Amino acid sequence: MGLPMALNLIQAGHQVQGFDLAQTQLEAFKAGGGIPVQSASEADKDADAIISMLPASRHVEALYFG
Protein backbone atom coordinates (compact mmCIF):
# COMPACT_ATOMS: atom_id res chain seq x y z
CA MET A 1 0.00 0.00 0.00
CA GLY A 2 2.84 2.41 0.77
CA LEU A 3 4.50 2.32 -2.66
CA PRO A 4 1.37 3.23 -4.63
CA MET A 5 0.57 6.04 -2.20
CA ALA A 6 4.13 7.38 -2.39
CA LEU A 7 4.05 7.28 -6.19
CA ASN A 8 0.74 9.19 -6.18
CA LEU A 9 2.32 11.89 -4.02
CA ILE A 10 5.29 12.09 -6.40
CA GLN A 11 2.97 12.37 -9.40
CA ALA A 12 1.14 15.20 -7.60
CA GLY A 13 4.42 17.12 -7.48
CA HIS A 14 5.63 16.37 -3.95
CA GLN A 15 9.20 15.45 -3.06
CA VAL A 16 9.00 12.12 -1.24
CA GLN A 17 11.74 10.39 0.75
CA GLY A 18 11.09 6.80 1.70
CA PHE A 19 12.44 3.72 3.39
CA ASP A 20 11.50 0.06 3.10
CA LEU A 21 13.14 -3.12 4.32
CA ALA A 22 12.50 -4.67 0.89
CA GLN A 23 15.13 -3.56 -1.63
CA THR A 24 12.80 -4.26 -4.57
CA GLN A 25 10.27 -1.79 -3.17
CA LEU A 26 12.97 0.87 -2.77
CA GLU A 27 14.09 0.30 -6.36
CA ALA A 28 10.53 0.71 -7.65
CA PHE A 29 10.15 3.81 -5.47
CA LYS A 30 13.34 5.31 -6.92
CA ALA A 31 12.29 4.43 -10.47
CA GLY A 32 9.07 6.35 -9.83
CA GLY A 33 10.95 9.48 -8.80
CA GLY A 34 11.20 8.91 -5.05
CA ILE A 35 14.27 9.53 -2.92
CA PRO A 36 15.24 6.31 -1.10
CA VAL A 37 16.94 6.66 2.29
CA GLN A 38 18.76 4.20 4.53
CA SER A 39 16.42 4.25 7.56
CA ALA A 40 13.02 5.40 8.78
CA SER A 41 14.68 8.03 10.95
CA GLU A 42 16.52 9.42 7.92
CA ALA A 43 13.24 9.68 6.02
CA ASP A 44 11.84 12.21 8.48
CA LYS A 45 14.70 14.71 8.25
CA ASP A 46 13.35 18.11 7.14
CA ALA A 47 9.93 16.56 6.48
CA ASP A 48 6.75 18.64 6.42
CA ALA A 49 4.68 15.49 6.93
CA ILE A 50 5.35 11.86 7.81
CA ILE A 51 3.22 8.96 6.59
CA SER A 52 3.87 5.39 7.67
CA MET A 53 2.46 2.25 6.09
CA LEU A 54 3.09 -0.75 8.30
CA PRO A 55 1.49 -4.20 8.42
CA ALA A 56 0.46 -4.38 12.09
CA SER A 57 0.20 -2.34 15.28
CA ARG A 58 3.34 -3.96 16.70
CA HIS A 59 5.30 -2.50 13.79
CA VAL A 60 3.80 0.94 14.36
CA GLU A 61 4.67 0.78 18.06
CA ALA A 62 8.24 -0.29 17.28
CA LEU A 63 8.68 2.56 14.80
CA TYR A 64 7.28 5.33 16.98
CA PHE A 65 8.13 4.14 20.47
CA GLY A 66 11.38 2.27 19.83
PDB file of N, CA and C in Angstrom:
ATOM      1  N   MET A   1       0.813  -1.185   0.000  1.00  0.00           N
ATOM      2  CA  MET A   1       0.000   0.000   0.000  1.00  0.00           C
ATOM      3  C   MET A   1       0.865   1.260   0.000  1.00  0.00           C
ATOM      4  N   GLY A   2       2.004   1.225   0.661  1.00  0.00           N
ATOM      5  CA  GLY A   2       2.844   2.405   0.768  1.00  0.00           C
ATOM      6  C   GLY A   2       3.426   2.867  -0.554  1.00  0.00           C
ATOM      7  N   LEU A   3       3.895   1.943  -1.378  1.00  0.00           N
ATOM      8  CA  LEU A   3       4.503   2.322  -2.656  1.00  0.00           C
ATOM      9  C   LEU A   3       3.508   3.041  -3.560  1.00  0.00           C
ATOM     10  N   PRO A   4       2.312   2.505  -3.781  1.00  0.00           N
ATOM     11  CA  PRO A   4       1.366   3.233  -4.633  1.00  0.00           C
ATOM     12  C   PRO A   4       1.010   4.615  -4.088  1.00  0.00           C
ATOM     13  N   MET A   5       0.881   4.737  -2.783  1.00  0.00           N
ATOM     14  CA  MET A   5       0.570   6.038  -2.198  1.00  0.00           C
ATOM     15  C   MET A   5       1.731   7.012  -2.389  1.00  0.00           C
ATOM     16  N   ALA A   6       2.956   6.531  -2.193  1.00  0.00           N
ATOM     17  CA  ALA A   6       4.128   7.382  -2.394  1.00  0.00           C
ATOM     18  C   ALA A   6       4.224   7.832  -3.849  1.00  0.00           C
ATOM     19  N   LEU A   7       3.984   6.922  -4.772  1.00  0.00           N
ATOM     20  CA  LEU A   7       4.046   7.277  -6.192  1.00  0.00           C
ATOM     21  C   LEU A   7       2.963   8.293  -6.557  1.00  0.00           C
ATOM     22  N   ASN A   8       1.793   8.193  -5.951  1.00  0.00           N
ATOM     23  CA  ASN A   8       0.742   9.188  -6.184  1.00  0.00           C
ATOM     24  C   ASN A   8       1.176  10.564  -5.694  1.00  0.00           C
ATOM     25  N   LEU A   9       1.820  10.620  -4.546  1.00  0.00           N
ATOM     26  CA  LEU A   9       2.316  11.891  -4.024  1.00  0.00           C
ATOM     27  C   LEU A   9       3.378  12.486  -4.945  1.00  0.00           C
ATOM     28  N   ILE A  10       4.253  11.639  -5.462  1.00  0.00           N
ATOM     29  CA  ILE A  10       5.290  12.093  -6.398  1.00  0.00           C
ATOM     30  C   ILE A  10       4.640  12.645  -7.660  1.00  0.00           C
ATOM     31  N   GLN A  11       3.661  11.929  -8.194  1.00  0.00           N
ATOM     32  CA  GLN A  11       2.967  12.370  -9.397  1.00  0.00           C
ATOM     33  C   GLN A  11       2.224  13.686  -9.176  1.00  0.00           C
ATOM     34  N   ALA A  12       1.834  13.950  -7.934  1.00  0.00           N
ATOM     35  CA  ALA A  12       1.143  15.198  -7.604  1.00  0.00           C
ATOM     36  C   ALA A  12       2.131  16.350  -7.393  1.00  0.00           C
ATOM     37  N   GLY A  13       3.431  16.073  -7.542  1.00  0.00           N
ATOM     38  CA  GLY A  13       4.419  17.119  -7.484  1.00  0.00           C
ATOM     39  C   GLY A  13       5.148  17.258  -6.160  1.00  0.00           C
ATOM     40  N   HIS A  14       4.949  16.316  -5.243  1.00  0.00           N
ATOM     41  CA  HIS A  14       5.631  16.369  -3.950  1.00  0.00           C
ATOM     42  C   HIS A  14       6.979  15.658  -4.012  1.00  0.00           C
ATOM     43  N   GLN A  15       7.920  16.154  -3.230  1.00  0.00           N
ATOM     44  CA  GLN A  15       9.196  15.454  -3.057  1.00  0.00           C
ATOM     45  C   GLN A  15       8.997  14.452  -1.938  1.00  0.00           C
ATOM     46  N   VAL A  16       9.263  13.181  -2.212  1.00  0.00           N
ATOM     47  CA  VAL A  16       9.002  12.124  -1.241  1.00  0.00           C
ATOM     48  C   VAL A  16      10.276  11.338  -0.974  1.00  0.00           C
ATOM     49  N   GLN A  17      10.647  11.254   0.311  1.00  0.00           N
ATOM     50  CA  GLN A  17      11.739  10.388   0.750  1.00  0.00           C
ATOM     51  C   GLN A  17      11.102   9.159   1.369  1.00  0.00           C
ATOM     52  N   GLY A  18      11.690   8.006   1.163  1.00  0.00           N
ATOM     53  CA  GLY A  18      11.089   6.805   1.703  1.00  0.00           C
ATOM     54  C   GLY A  18      12.095   5.735   2.076  1.00  0.00           C
ATOM     55  N   PHE A  19      11.637   4.856   2.940  1.00  0.00           N
ATOM     56  CA  PHE A  19      12.440   3.723   3.392  1.00  0.00           C
ATOM     57  C   PHE A  19      11.568   2.479   3.401  1.00  0.00           C
ATOM     58  N   ASP A  20      12.170   1.362   3.043  1.00  0.00           N
ATOM     59  CA  ASP A  20      11.502   0.063   3.100  1.00  0.00           C
ATOM     60  C   ASP A  20      12.567  -0.988   3.358  1.00  0.00           C
ATOM     61  N   LEU A  21      12.203  -2.023   4.089  1.00  0.00           N
ATOM     62  CA  LEU A  21      13.139  -3.120   4.316  1.00  0.00           C
ATOM     63  C   LEU A  21      13.373  -3.940   3.043  1.00  0.00           C
ATOM     64  N   ALA A  22      12.406  -3.913   2.133  1.00  0.00           N
ATOM     65  CA  ALA A  22      12.496  -4.673   0.886  1.00  0.00           C
ATOM     66  C   ALA A  22      13.190  -3.843  -0.195  1.00  0.00           C
ATOM     67  N   GLN A  23      14.344  -4.291  -0.631  1.00  0.00           N
ATOM     68  CA  GLN A  23      15.127  -3.563  -1.634  1.00  0.00           C
ATOM     69  C   GLN A  23      14.358  -3.391  -2.938  1.00  0.00           C
ATOM     70  N   THR A  24      13.564  -4.382  -3.320  1.00  0.00           N
ATOM     71  CA  THR A  24      12.804  -4.263  -4.573  1.00  0.00           C
ATOM     72  C   THR A  24      11.798  -3.114  -4.500  1.00  0.00           C
ATOM     73  N   GLN A  25      11.206  -2.895  -3.335  1.00  0.00           N
ATOM     74  CA  GLN A  25      10.267  -1.789  -3.167  1.00  0.00           C
ATOM     75  C   GLN A  25      10.999  -0.448  -3.278  1.00  0.00           C
ATOM     76  N   LEU A  26      12.189  -0.367  -2.681  1.00  0.00           N
ATOM     77  CA  LEU A  26      12.969   0.870  -2.775  1.00  0.00           C
ATOM     78  C   LEU A  26      13.390   1.151  -4.220  1.00  0.00           C
ATOM     79  N   GLU A  27      13.714   0.116  -4.958  1.00  0.00           N
ATOM     80  CA  GLU A  27      14.092   0.295  -6.362  1.00  0.00           C
ATOM     81  C   GLU A  27      12.912   0.806  -7.180  1.00  0.00           C
ATOM     82  N   ALA A  28      11.727   0.253  -6.945  1.00  0.00           N
ATOM     83  CA  ALA A  28      10.529   0.715  -7.645  1.00  0.00           C
ATOM     84  C   ALA A  28      10.192   2.149  -7.248  1.00  0.00           C
ATOM     85  N   PHE A  29      10.376   2.463  -5.979  1.00  0.00           N
ATOM     86  CA  PHE A  29      10.148   3.813  -5.472  1.00  0.00           C
ATOM     87  C   PHE A  29      11.083   4.804  -6.162  1.00  0.00           C
ATOM     88  N   LYS A  30      12.359   4.456  -6.255  1.00  0.00           N
ATOM     89  CA  LYS A  30      13.338   5.312  -6.918  1.00  0.00           C
ATOM     90  C   LYS A  30      13.010   5.472  -8.401  1.00  0.00           C
ATOM     91  N   ALA A  31      12.639   4.380  -9.047  1.00  0.00           N
ATOM     92  CA  ALA A  31      12.286   4.431 -10.472  1.00  0.00           C
ATOM     93  C   ALA A  31      11.092   5.345 -10.719  1.00  0.00           C
ATOM     94  N   GLY A  32      10.235   5.482  -9.709  1.00  0.00           N
ATOM     95  CA  GLY A  32       9.070   6.348  -9.829  1.00  0.00           C
ATOM     96  C   GLY A  32       9.336   7.788  -9.445  1.00  0.00           C
ATOM     97  N   GLY A  33      10.595   8.106  -9.119  1.00  0.00           N
ATOM     98  CA  GLY A  33      10.947   9.484  -8.795  1.00  0.00           C
ATOM     99  C   GLY A  33      11.126   9.766  -7.320  1.00  0.00           C
ATOM    100  N   GLY A  34      11.025   8.737  -6.487  1.00  0.00           N
ATOM    101  CA  GLY A  34      11.205   8.913  -5.049  1.00  0.00           C
ATOM    102  C   GLY A  34      12.674   8.983  -4.665  1.00  0.00           C
ATOM    103  N   ILE A  35      12.911   9.432  -3.450  1.00  0.00           N
ATOM    104  CA  ILE A  35      14.267   9.525  -2.917  1.00  0.00           C
ATOM    105  C   ILE A  35      14.415   8.474  -1.823  1.00  0.00           C
ATOM    106  N   PRO A  36      15.056   7.342  -2.122  1.00  0.00           N
ATOM    107  CA  PRO A  36      15.237   6.314  -1.099  1.00  0.00           C
ATOM    108  C   PRO A  36      16.265   6.743  -0.056  1.00  0.00           C
ATOM    109  N   VAL A  37      16.011   6.379   1.197  1.00  0.00           N
ATOM    110  CA  VAL A  37      16.940   6.664   2.288  1.00  0.00           C
ATOM    111  C   VAL A  37      17.263   5.366   3.009  1.00  0.00           C
ATOM    112  N   GLN A  38      18.242   5.398   3.896  1.00  0.00           N
ATOM    113  CA  GLN A  38      18.758   4.195   4.534  1.00  0.00           C
ATOM    114  C   GLN A  38      18.014   3.754   5.792  1.00  0.00           C
ATOM    115  N   SER A  39      17.143   4.604   6.342  1.00  0.00           N
ATOM    116  CA  SER A  39      16.420   4.249   7.563  1.00  0.00           C
ATOM    117  C   SER A  39      15.154   5.086   7.681  1.00  0.00           C
ATOM    118  N   ALA A  40      14.246   4.636   8.525  1.00  0.00           N
ATOM    119  CA  ALA A  40      13.023   5.398   8.776  1.00  0.00           C
ATOM    120  C   ALA A  40      13.355   6.739   9.411  1.00  0.00           C
ATOM    121  N   SER A  41      14.325   6.764  10.302  1.00  0.00           N
ATOM    122  CA  SER A  41      14.679   8.027  10.954  1.00  0.00           C
ATOM    123  C   SER A  41      15.291   9.015   9.961  1.00  0.00           C
ATOM    124  N   GLU A  42      15.973   8.521   8.950  1.00  0.00           N
ATOM    125  CA  GLU A  42      16.519   9.417   7.921  1.00  0.00           C
ATOM    126  C   GLU A  42      15.394   9.987   7.053  1.00  0.00           C
ATOM    127  N   ALA A  43      14.342   9.239   6.863  1.00  0.00           N
ATOM    128  CA  ALA A  43      13.239   9.684   6.015  1.00  0.00           C
ATOM    129  C   ALA A  43      12.515  10.891   6.587  1.00  0.00           C
ATOM    130  N   ASP A  44      12.578  11.093   7.896  1.00  0.00           N
ATOM    131  CA  ASP A  44      11.835  12.211   8.482  1.00  0.00           C
ATOM    132  C   ASP A  44      12.638  13.510   8.595  1.00  0.00           C
ATOM    133  N   LYS A  45      13.880  13.500   8.181  1.00  0.00           N
ATOM    134  CA  LYS A  45      14.697  14.711   8.245  1.00  0.00           C
ATOM    135  C   LYS A  45      14.108  15.793   7.328  1.00  0.00           C
ATOM    136  N   ASP A  46      13.886  16.958   7.879  1.00  0.00           N
ATOM    137  CA  ASP A  46      13.345  18.111   7.140  1.00  0.00           C
ATOM    138  C   ASP A  46      11.987  17.837   6.499  1.00  0.00           C
ATOM    139  N   ALA A  47      11.232  16.912   7.048  1.00  0.00           N
ATOM    140  CA  ALA A  47       9.926  16.561   6.480  1.00  0.00           C
ATOM    141  C   ALA A  47       8.837  17.526   6.956  1.00  0.00           C
ATOM    142  N   ASP A  48       7.933  17.868   6.061  1.00  0.00           N
ATOM    143  CA  ASP A  48       6.748  18.643   6.424  1.00  0.00           C
ATOM    144  C   ASP A  48       5.653  17.723   6.949  1.00  0.00           C
ATOM    145  N   ALA A  49       5.674  16.486   6.506  1.00  0.00           N
ATOM    146  CA  ALA A  49       4.684  15.490   6.935  1.00  0.00           C
ATOM    147  C   ALA A  49       5.338  14.120   6.903  1.00  0.00           C
ATOM    148  N   ILE A  50       4.853  13.229   7.763  1.00  0.00           N
ATOM    149  CA  ILE A  50       5.351  11.859   7.813  1.00  0.00           C
ATOM    150  C   ILE A  50       4.161  10.919   7.695  1.00  0.00           C
ATOM    151  N   ILE A  51       4.262   9.970   6.785  1.00  0.00           N
ATOM    152  CA  ILE A  51       3.224   8.960   6.588  1.00  0.00           C
ATOM    153  C   ILE A  51       3.891   7.604   6.720  1.00  0.00           C
ATOM    154  N   SER A  52       3.311   6.741   7.539  1.00  0.00           N
ATOM    155  CA  SER A  52       3.867   5.390   7.665  1.00  0.00           C
ATOM    156  C   SER A  52       2.826   4.375   7.225  1.00  0.00           C
ATOM    157  N   MET A  53       3.296   3.360   6.539  1.00  0.00           N
ATOM    158  CA  MET A  53       2.456   2.246   6.093  1.00  0.00           C
ATOM    159  C   MET A  53       3.105   0.984   6.624  1.00  0.00           C
ATOM    160  N   LEU A  54       2.512   0.423   7.653  1.00  0.00           N
ATOM    161  CA  LEU A  54       3.092  -0.749   8.303  1.00  0.00           C
ATOM    162  C   LEU A  54       2.033  -1.831   8.436  1.00  0.00           C
ATOM    163  N   PRO A  55       2.455  -3.104   8.470  1.00  0.00           N
ATOM    164  CA  PRO A  55       1.494  -4.203   8.421  1.00  0.00           C
ATOM    165  C   PRO A  55       0.676  -4.434   9.686  1.00  0.00           C
ATOM    166  N   ALA A  56       1.190  -4.080  10.862  1.00  0.00           N
ATOM    167  CA  ALA A  56       0.461  -4.383  12.095  1.00  0.00           C
ATOM    168  C   ALA A  56       0.814  -3.371  13.182  1.00  0.00           C
ATOM    169  N   SER A  57      -0.013  -3.318  14.210  1.00  0.00           N
ATOM    170  CA  SER A  57       0.196  -2.338  15.280  1.00  0.00           C
ATOM    171  C   SER A  57       1.549  -2.526  15.969  1.00  0.00           C
ATOM    172  N   ARG A  58       2.038  -3.754  16.057  1.00  0.00           N
ATOM    173  CA  ARG A  58       3.339  -3.956  16.697  1.00  0.00           C
ATOM    174  C   ARG A  58       4.450  -3.268  15.921  1.00  0.00           C
ATOM    175  N   HIS A  59       4.310  -3.200  14.602  1.00  0.00           N
ATOM    176  CA  HIS A  59       5.302  -2.500  13.788  1.00  0.00           C
ATOM    177  C   HIS A  59       5.211  -0.990  13.994  1.00  0.00           C
ATOM    178  N   VAL A  60       4.001  -0.484  14.095  1.00  0.00           N
ATOM    179  CA  VAL A  60       3.800   0.936  14.363  1.00  0.00           C
ATOM    180  C   VAL A  60       4.415   1.320  15.703  1.00  0.00           C
ATOM    181  N   GLU A  61       4.125   0.529  16.722  1.00  0.00           N
ATOM    182  CA  GLU A  61       4.669   0.784  18.063  1.00  0.00           C
ATOM    183  C   GLU A  61       6.192   0.752  18.054  1.00  0.00           C
ATOM    184  N   ALA A  62       6.778  -0.193  17.348  1.00  0.00           N
ATOM    185  CA  ALA A  62       8.235  -0.294  17.276  1.00  0.00           C
ATOM    186  C   ALA A  62       8.839   0.930  16.595  1.00  0.00           C
ATOM    187  N   LEU A  63       8.179   1.406  15.533  1.00  0.00           N
ATOM    188  CA  LEU A  63       8.681   2.563  14.803  1.00  0.00           C
ATOM    189  C   LEU A  63       8.615   3.829  15.653  1.00  0.00           C
ATOM    190  N   TYR A  64       7.480   4.068  16.278  1.00  0.00           N
ATOM    191  CA  TYR A  64       7.277   5.330  16.977  1.00  0.00           C
ATOM    192  C   TYR A  64       7.733   5.334  18.424  1.00  0.00           C
ATOM    193  N   PHE A  65       7.776   4.178  19.061  1.00  0.00           N
ATOM    194  CA  PHE A  65       8.126   4.139  20.470  1.00  0.00           C
ATOM    195  C   PHE A  65       9.429   3.395  20.748  1.00  0.00           C
ATOM    196  N   GLY A  66      10.084   2.933  19.678  1.00  0.00           N
ATOM    197  CA  GLY A  66      11.379   2.271  19.829  1.00  0.00           C
ATOM    198  C   GLY A  66      11.259   0.882  20.320  1.00  0.00           C
TER     199      GLY A  66
END
